[in-house]
Amino acid sequence: MRIAISIGLLAFLAAVGAYAYEGLTVDAPVPTYGIVVFTIGIALLAAVCIGLMGLLFYSSRRGYDEPPHIKQ
């Protein structure tokens, strides 16, 4: 069963790689709106990543990551 899943995933990876290679080798110019959309997407992704890392450090320093203390 694991071998069949592994073969299927490797075939999917090969198909995605071939599709990406075809997309990268075409000499089609990127329109201006494409560059703007990619830039906005990258900026939003960076903002979300920075915010999540900030929350991670905040919760770690405030002790929110520690297990609760149960009084007996």
PDB file of N, CA and C in Angstrom:
ATOM      1  N   MET A   1       0.823  -1.192   0.000  1.00  0.00           N
ATOM      2  CA  MET A   1       0.000   0.000   0.000  1.00  0.00           C
ATOM      3  C   MET A   1       0.874   1.266   0.000  1.00  0.00           C
ATOM      4  N   ARG A   2       1.912   1.269   0.836  1.00  0.00           N
ATOM      5  CA  ARG A   2       2.794   2.439   0.893  1.00  0.00           C
ATOM      6  C   ARG A   2       3.527   2.650  -0.420  1.00  0.00           C
ATOM      7  N   ILE A   3       3.880   1.555  -1.063  1.00  0.00           N
ATOM      8  CA  ILE A   3       4.597   1.665  -2.333  1.00  0.00           C
ATOM      9  C   ILE A   3       3.693   2.280  -3.390  1.00  0.00           C
ATOM     10  N   ALA A   4       2.429   1.883  -3.417  1.00  0.00           N
ATOM     11  CA  ALA A   4       1.486   2.439  -4.394  1.00  0.00           C
ATOM     12  C   ALA A   4       1.277   3.935  -4.154  1.00  0.00           C
ATOM     13  N   ILE A   5       1.156   4.326  -2.905  1.00  0.00           N
ATOM     14  CA  ILE A   5       0.990   5.747  -2.578  1.00  0.00           C
ATOM     15  C   ILE A   5       2.247   6.519  -2.966  1.00  0.00           C
ATOM     16  N   SER A   6       3.411   5.952  -2.665  1.00  0.00           N
ATOM     17  CA  SER A   6       4.669   6.617  -3.008  1.00  0.00           C
ATOM     18  C   SER A   6       4.817   6.782  -4.511  1.00  0.00           C
ATOM     19  N   ILE A   7       4.463   5.754  -5.270  1.00  0.00           N
ATOM     20  CA  ILE A   7       4.553   5.847  -6.730  1.00  0.00           C
ATOM     21  C   ILE A   7       3.583   6.893  -7.260  1.00  0.00           C
ATOM     22  N   GLY A   8       2.374   6.921  -6.708  1.00  0.00           N
ATOM     23  CA  GLY A   8       1.394   7.924  -7.122  1.00  0.00           C
ATOM     24  C   GLY A   8       1.859   9.338  -6.826  1.00  0.00           C
ATOM     25  N   LEU A   9       2.419   9.552  -5.640  1.00  0.00           N
ATOM     26  CA  LEU A   9       2.912  10.883  -5.282  1.00  0.00           C
ATOM     27  C   LEU A   9       4.108  11.290  -6.132  1.00  0.00           C
ATOM     28  N   LEU A  10       4.992  10.348  -6.432  1.00  0.00           N
ATOM     29  CA  LEU A  10       6.136  10.656  -7.294  1.00  0.00           C
ATOM     30  C   LEU A  10       5.689  10.983  -8.710  1.00  0.00           C
ATOM     31  N   ALA A  11       4.665  10.271  -9.201  1.00  0.00           N
ATOM     32  CA  ALA A  11       4.129  10.579 -10.527  1.00  0.00           C
ATOM     33  C   ALA A  11       3.502  11.975 -10.537  1.00  0.00           C
ATOM     34  N   PHE A  12       2.781  12.313  -9.475  1.00  0.00           N
ATOM     35  CA  PHE A  12       2.193  13.645  -9.366  1.00  0.00           C
ATOM     36  C   PHE A  12       3.281  14.718  -9.312  1.00  0.00           C
ATOM     37  N   LEU A  13       4.346  14.448  -8.569  1.00  0.00           N
ATOM     38  CA  LEU A  13       5.464  15.389  -8.488  1.00  0.00           C
ATOM     39  C   LEU A  13       6.125  15.564  -9.849  1.00  0.00           C
ATOM     40  N   ALA A  14       6.284  14.488 -10.589  1.00  0.00           N
ATOM     41  CA  ALA A  14       6.872  14.578 -11.926  1.00  0.00           C
ATOM     42  C   ALA A  14       5.978  15.384 -12.865  1.00  0.00           C
ATOM     43  N   ALA A  15       4.666  15.185 -12.778  1.00  0.00           N
ATOM     44  CA  ALA A  15       3.736  15.938 -13.622  1.00  0.00           C
ATOM     45  C   ALA A  15       3.778  17.426 -13.296  1.00  0.00           C
ATOM     46  N   VAL A  16       3.816  17.759 -12.023  1.00  0.00           N
ATOM     47  CA  VAL A  16       3.888  19.166 -11.624  1.00  0.00           C
ATOM     48  C   VAL A  16       5.222  19.771 -12.070  1.00  0.00           C
ATOM     49  N   GLY A  17       6.293  19.021 -11.944  1.00  0.00           N
ATOM     50  CA  GLY A  17       7.592  19.510 -12.393  1.00  0.00           C
ATOM     51  C   GLY A  17       7.630  19.756 -13.890  1.00  0.00           C
ATOM     52  N   ALA A  18       7.030  18.845 -14.671  1.00  0.00           N
ATOM     53  CA  ALA A  18       6.985  19.025 -16.123  1.00  0.00           C
ATOM     54  C   ALA A  18       6.144  20.252 -16.486  1.00  0.00           C
ATOM     55  N   TYR A  19       5.029  20.428 -15.802  1.00  0.00           N
ATOM     56  CA  TYR A  19       4.163  21.584 -16.049  1.00  0.00           C
ATOM     57  C   TYR A  19       4.894  22.890 -15.705  1.00  0.00           C
ATOM     58  N   ALA A  20       5.610  22.896 -14.591  1.00  0.00           N
ATOM     59  CA  ALA A  20       6.361  24.087 -14.196  1.00  0.00           C
ATOM     60  C   ALA A  20       7.483  24.375 -15.184  1.00  0.00           C
ATOM     61  N   TYR A  21       8.157  23.333 -15.648  1.00  0.00           N
ATOM     62  CA  TYR A  21       9.239  23.521 -16.618  1.00  0.00           C
ATOM     63  C   TYR A  21       8.695  24.116 -17.914  1.00  0.00           C
ATOM     64  N   GLU A  22       7.558  23.619 -18.374  1.00  0.00           N
ATOM     65  CA  GLU A  22       6.941  24.165 -19.587  1.00  0.00           C
ATOM     66  C   GLU A  22       6.578  25.630 -19.398  1.00  0.00           C
ATOM     67  N   GLY A  23       6.079  25.969 -18.227  1.00  0.00           N
ATOM     68  CA  GLY A  23       5.704  27.361 -17.958  1.00  0.00           C
ATOM     69  C   GLY A  23       6.898  28.288 -17.882  1.00  0.00           C
ATOM     70  N   LEU A  24       8.024  27.773 -17.411  1.00  0.00           N
ATOM     71  CA  LEU A  24       9.212  28.618 -17.267  1.00  0.00           C
ATOM     72  C   LEU A  24       9.969  28.789 -18.577  1.00  0.00           C
ATOM     73  N   THR A  25       9.799  27.871 -19.511  1.00  0.00           N
ATOM     74  CA  THR A  25      10.558  27.960 -20.751  1.00  0.00           C
ATOM     75  C   THR A  25       9.849  28.758 -21.834  1.00  0.00           C
ATOM     76  N   VAL A  26       8.619  29.145 -21.635  1.00  0.00           N
ATOM     77  CA  VAL A  26       7.885  29.937 -22.623  1.00  0.00           C
ATOM     78  C   VAL A  26       8.318  31.397 -22.484  1.00  0.00           C
ATOM     79  N   ASP A  27       8.601  32.052 -23.610  1.00  0.00           N
ATOM     80  CA  ASP A  27       9.040  33.444 -23.571  1.00  0.00           C
ATOM     81  C   ASP A  27       7.859  34.395 -23.712  1.00  0.00           C
ATOM     82  N   ALA A  28       6.919  34.302 -22.799  1.00  0.00           N
ATOM     83  CA  ALA A  28       5.756  35.189 -22.816  1.00  0.00           C
ATOM     84  C   ALA A  28       5.998  36.315 -21.812  1.00  0.00           C
ATOM     85  N   PRO A  29       5.797  37.565 -22.223  1.00  0.00           N
ATOM     86  CA  PRO A  29       6.001  38.671 -21.285  1.00  0.00           C
ATOM     87  C   PRO A  29       4.897  38.699 -20.216  1.00  0.00           C
ATOM     88  N   VAL A  30       5.270  39.120 -19.034  1.00  0.00           N
ATOM     89  CA  VAL A  30       4.309  39.243 -17.937  1.00  0.00           C
ATOM     90  C   VAL A  30       3.697  40.639 -18.014  1.00  0.00           C
ATOM     91  N   PRO A  31       2.366  40.738 -18.045  1.00  0.00           N
ATOM     92  CA  PRO A  31       1.746  42.058 -18.099  1.00  0.00           C
ATOM     93  C   PRO A  31       1.948  42.821 -16.783  1.00  0.00           C
ATOM     94  N   THR A  32       1.733  44.113 -16.841  1.00  0.00           N
ATOM     95  CA  THR A  32       1.952  44.968 -15.670  1.00  0.00           C
ATOM     96  C   THR A  32       1.069  44.561 -14.510  1.00  0.00           C
ATOM     97  N   TYR A  33      -0.207  44.244 -14.790  1.00  0.00           N
ATOM     98  CA  TYR A  33      -1.090  43.864 -13.693  1.00  0.00           C
ATOM     99  C   TYR A  33      -0.630  42.564 -13.031  1.00  0.00           C
ATOM    100  N   GLY A  34       0.041  41.692 -13.772  1.00  0.00           N
ATOM    101  CA  GLY A  34       0.573  40.468 -13.195  1.00  0.00           C
ATOM    102  C   GLY A  34       1.674  40.758 -12.188  1.00  0.00           C
ATOM    103  N   ILE A  35       2.543  41.678 -12.544  1.00  0.00           N
ATOM    104  CA  ILE A  35       3.621  42.059 -11.627  1.00  0.00           C
ATOM    105  C   ILE A  35       3.053  42.718 -10.379  1.00  0.00           C
ATOM    106  N   VAL A  36       2.030  43.566 -10.556  1.00  0.00           N
ATOM    107  CA  VAL A  36       1.395  44.238  -9.407  1.00  0.00           C
ATOM    108  C   VAL A  36       0.742  43.212  -8.489  1.00  0.00           C
ATOM    109  N   VAL A  37       0.017  42.251  -9.067  1.00  0.00           N
ATOM    110  CA  VAL A  37      -0.659  41.239  -8.259  1.00  0.00           C
ATOM    111  C   VAL A  37       0.352  40.366  -7.520  1.00  0.00           C
ATOM    112  N   PHE A  38       1.413  39.959  -8.179  1.00  0.00           N
ATOM    113  CA  PHE A  38       2.443  39.168  -7.517  1.00  0.00           C
ATOM    114  C   PHE A  38       3.093  39.949  -6.374  1.00  0.00           C
ATOM    115  N   THR A  39       3.351  41.235  -6.596  1.00  0.00           N
ATOM    116  CA  THR A  39       3.970  42.059  -5.560  1.00  0.00           C
ATOM    117  C   THR A  39       3.055  42.186  -4.351  1.00  0.00           C
ATOM    118  N   ILE A  40       1.768  42.422  -4.588  1.00  0.00           N
ATOM    119  CA  ILE A  40       0.813  42.527  -3.482  1.00  0.00           C
ATOM    120  C   ILE A  40       0.714  41.197  -2.740  1.00  0.00           C
ATOM    121  N   GLY A  41       0.680  40.091  -3.476  1.00  0.00           N
ATOM    122  CA  GLY A  41       0.610  38.778  -2.840  1.00  0.00           C
ATOM    123  C   GLY A  41       1.824  38.480  -1.982  1.00  0.00           C
ATOM    124  N   ILE A  42       2.996  38.814  -2.474  1.00  0.00           N
ATOM    125  CA  ILE A  42       4.217  38.588  -1.700  1.00  0.00           C
ATOM    126  C   ILE A  42       4.236  39.461  -0.461  1.00  0.00           C
ATOM    127  N   ALA A  43       3.800  40.717  -0.583  1.00  0.00           N
ATOM    128  CA  ALA A  43       3.759  41.614   0.575  1.00  0.00           C
ATOM    129  C   ALA A  43       2.777  41.102   1.630  1.00  0.00           C
ATOM    130  N   LEU A  44       1.604  40.640   1.203  1.00  0.00           N
ATOM    131  CA  LEU A  44       0.631  40.101   2.159  1.00  0.00           C
ATOM    132  C   LEU A  44       1.143  38.825   2.814  1.00  0.00           C
ATOM    133  N   LEU A  45       1.787  37.979   2.045  1.00  0.00           N
ATOM    134  CA  LEU A  45       2.353  36.762   2.600  1.00  0.00           C
ATOM    135  C   LEU A  45       3.421  37.082   3.644  1.00  0.00           C
ATOM    136  N   ALA A  46       4.278  38.044   3.345  1.00  0.00           N
ATOM    137  CA  ALA A  46       5.313  38.439   4.302  1.00  0.00           C
ATOM    138  C   ALA A  46       4.683  39.014   5.569  1.00  0.00           C
ATOM    139  N   ALA A  47       3.620  39.826   5.427  1.00  0.00           N
ATOM    140  CA  ALA A  47       2.957  40.411   6.592  1.00  0.00           C
ATOM    141  C   ALA A  47       2.337  39.330   7.472  1.00  0.00           C
ATOM    142  N   VAL A  48       1.692  38.344   6.859  1.00  0.00           N
ATOM    143  CA  VAL A  48       1.089  37.258   7.633  1.00  0.00           C
ATOM    144  C   VAL A  48       2.172  36.455   8.348  1.00  0.00           C
ATOM    145  N   CYS A  49       3.263  36.154   7.657  1.00  0.00           N
ATOM    146  CA  CYS A  49       4.350  35.397   8.280  1.00  0.00           C
ATOM    147  C   CYS A  49       4.976  36.157   9.441  1.00  0.00           C
ATOM    148  N   ILE A  50       5.200  37.432   9.259  1.00  0.00           N
ATOM    149  CA  ILE A  50       5.781  38.247  10.325  1.00  0.00           C
ATOM    150  C   ILE A  50       4.825  38.324  11.511  1.00  0.00           C
ATOM    151  N   GLY A  51       3.528  38.489  11.244  1.00  0.00           N
ATOM    152  CA  GLY A  51       2.540  38.534  12.320  1.00  0.00           C
ATOM    153  C   GLY A  51       2.468  37.229  13.093  1.00  0.00           C
ATOM    154  N   LEU A  52       2.482  36.113  12.395  1.00  0.00           N
ATOM    155  CA  LEU A  52       2.424  34.822  13.080  1.00  0.00           C
ATOM    156  C   LEU A  52       3.682  34.558  13.897  1.00  0.00           C
ATOM    157  N   MET A  53       4.830  34.928  13.368  1.00  0.00           N
ATOM    158  CA  MET A  53       6.065  34.757  14.147  1.00  0.00           C
ATOM    159  C   MET A  53       6.060  35.657  15.372  1.00  0.00           C
ATOM    160  N   GLY A  54       5.519  36.869  15.218  1.00  0.00           N
ATOM    161  CA  GLY A  54       5.402  37.758  16.369  1.00  0.00           C
ATOM    162  C   GLY A  54       4.505  37.165  17.442  1.00  0.00           C
ATOM    163  N   LEU A  55       3.370  36.596  17.038  1.00  0.00           N
ATOM    164  CA  LEU A  55       2.488  35.951  18.010  1.00  0.00           C
ATOM    165  C   LEU A  55       3.158  34.752  18.664  1.00  0.00           C
ATOM    166  N   LEU A  56       3.947  34.026  17.908  1.00  0.00           N
ATOM    167  CA  LEU A  56       4.663  32.877  18.454  1.00  0.00           C
ATOM    168  C   LEU A  56       5.638  33.310  19.538  1.00  0.00           C
ATOM    169  N   PHE A  57       6.422  34.345  19.263  1.00  0.00           N
ATOM    170  CA  PHE A  57       7.374  34.828  20.259  1.00  0.00           C
ATOM    171  C   PHE A  57       6.661  35.444  21.455  1.00  0.00           C
ATOM    172  N   TYR A  58       5.571  36.156  21.218  1.00  0.00           N
ATOM    173  CA  TYR A  58       4.803  36.773  22.310  1.00  0.00           C
ATOM    174  C   TYR A  58       4.257  35.700  23.249  1.00  0.00           C
ATOM    175  N   SER A  59       3.636  34.662  22.682  1.00  0.00           N
ATOM    176  CA  SER A  59       3.054  33.629  23.533  1.00  0.00           C
ATOM    177  C   SER A  59       4.129  32.838  24.261  1.00  0.00           C
ATOM    178  N   SER A  60       5.280  32.662  23.635  1.00  0.00           N
ATOM    179  CA  SER A  60       6.360  31.935  24.283  1.00  0.00           C
ATOM    180  C   SER A  60       6.931  32.720  25.457  1.00  0.00           C
ATOM    181  N   ARG A  61       7.108  34.010  25.284  1.00  0.00           N
ATOM    182  CA  ARG A  61       7.699  34.837  26.344  1.00  0.00           C
ATOM    183  C   ARG A  61       6.730  35.091  27.491  1.00  0.00           C
ATOM    184  N   ARG A  62       5.435  35.094  27.217  1.00  0.00           N
ATOM    185  CA  ARG A  62       4.429  35.326  28.259  1.00  0.00           C
ATOM    186  C   ARG A  62       4.041  34.050  28.991  1.00  0.00           C
ATOM    187  N   GLY A  63       4.534  32.907  28.549  1.00  0.00           N
ATOM    188  CA  GLY A  63       4.257  31.655  29.232  1.00  0.00           C
ATOM    189  C   GLY A  63       2.975  30.981  28.796  1.00  0.00           C
ATOM    190  N   TYR A  64       2.392  31.413  27.702  1.00  0.00           N
ATOM    191  CA  TYR A  64       1.143  30.807  27.237  1.00  0.00           C
ATOM    192  C   TYR A  64       1.373  29.418  26.636  1.00  0.00           C
ATOM    193  N   ASP A  65       2.608  29.061  26.348  1.00  0.00           N
ATOM    194  CA  ASP A  65       2.905  27.763  25.767  1.00  0.00           C
ATOM    195  C   ASP A  65       3.137  26.680  26.820  1.00  0.00           C
ATOM    196  N   GLU A  66       3.169  27.074  28.083  1.00  0.00           N
ATOM    197  CA  GLU A  66       3.408  26.112  29.154  1.00  0.00           C
ATOM    198  C   GLU A  66       2.125  25.328  29.460  1.00  0.00           C
ATOM    199  N   PRO A  67       2.265  24.082  29.881  1.00  0.00           N
ATOM    200  CA  PRO A  67       1.065  23.325  30.239  1.00  0.00           C
ATOM    201  C   PRO A  67       0.425  23.929  31.494  1.00  0.00           C
ATOM    202  N   PRO A  68      -0.873  23.776  31.646  1.00  0.00           N
ATOM    203  CA  PRO A  68      -1.539  24.356  32.830  1.00  0.00           C
ATOM    204  C   PRO A  68      -1.110  23.644  34.104  1.00  0.00           C
ATOM    205  N   HIS A  69      -1.037  24.408  35.180  1.00  0.00           N
ATOM    206  CA  HIS A  69      -0.700  23.843  36.477  1.00  0.00           C
ATOM    207  C   HIS A  69      -1.995  23.462  37.193  1.00  0.00           C
ATOM    208  N   ILE A  70      -2.143  22.200  37.503  1.00  0.00           N
ATOM    209  CA  ILE A  70      -3.349  21.714  38.151  1.00  0.00           C
ATOM    210  C   ILE A  70      -3.052  21.585  39.653  1.00  0.00           C
ATOM    211  N   LYS A  71      -3.848  22.280  40.459  1.00  0.00           N
ATOM    212  CA  LYS A  71      -3.671  22.217  41.909  1.00  0.00           C
ATOM    213  C   LYS A  71      -4.454  21.022  42.446  1.00  0.00           C
ATOM    214  N   GLN A  72      -3.803  20.274  43.300  1.00  0.00           N
ATOM    215  CA  GLN A  72      -4.488  19.105  43.883  1.00  0.00           C
ATOM    216  C   GLN A  72      -4.741  19.289  45.344  1.00  0.00           C
TER     217      GLN A  72
END
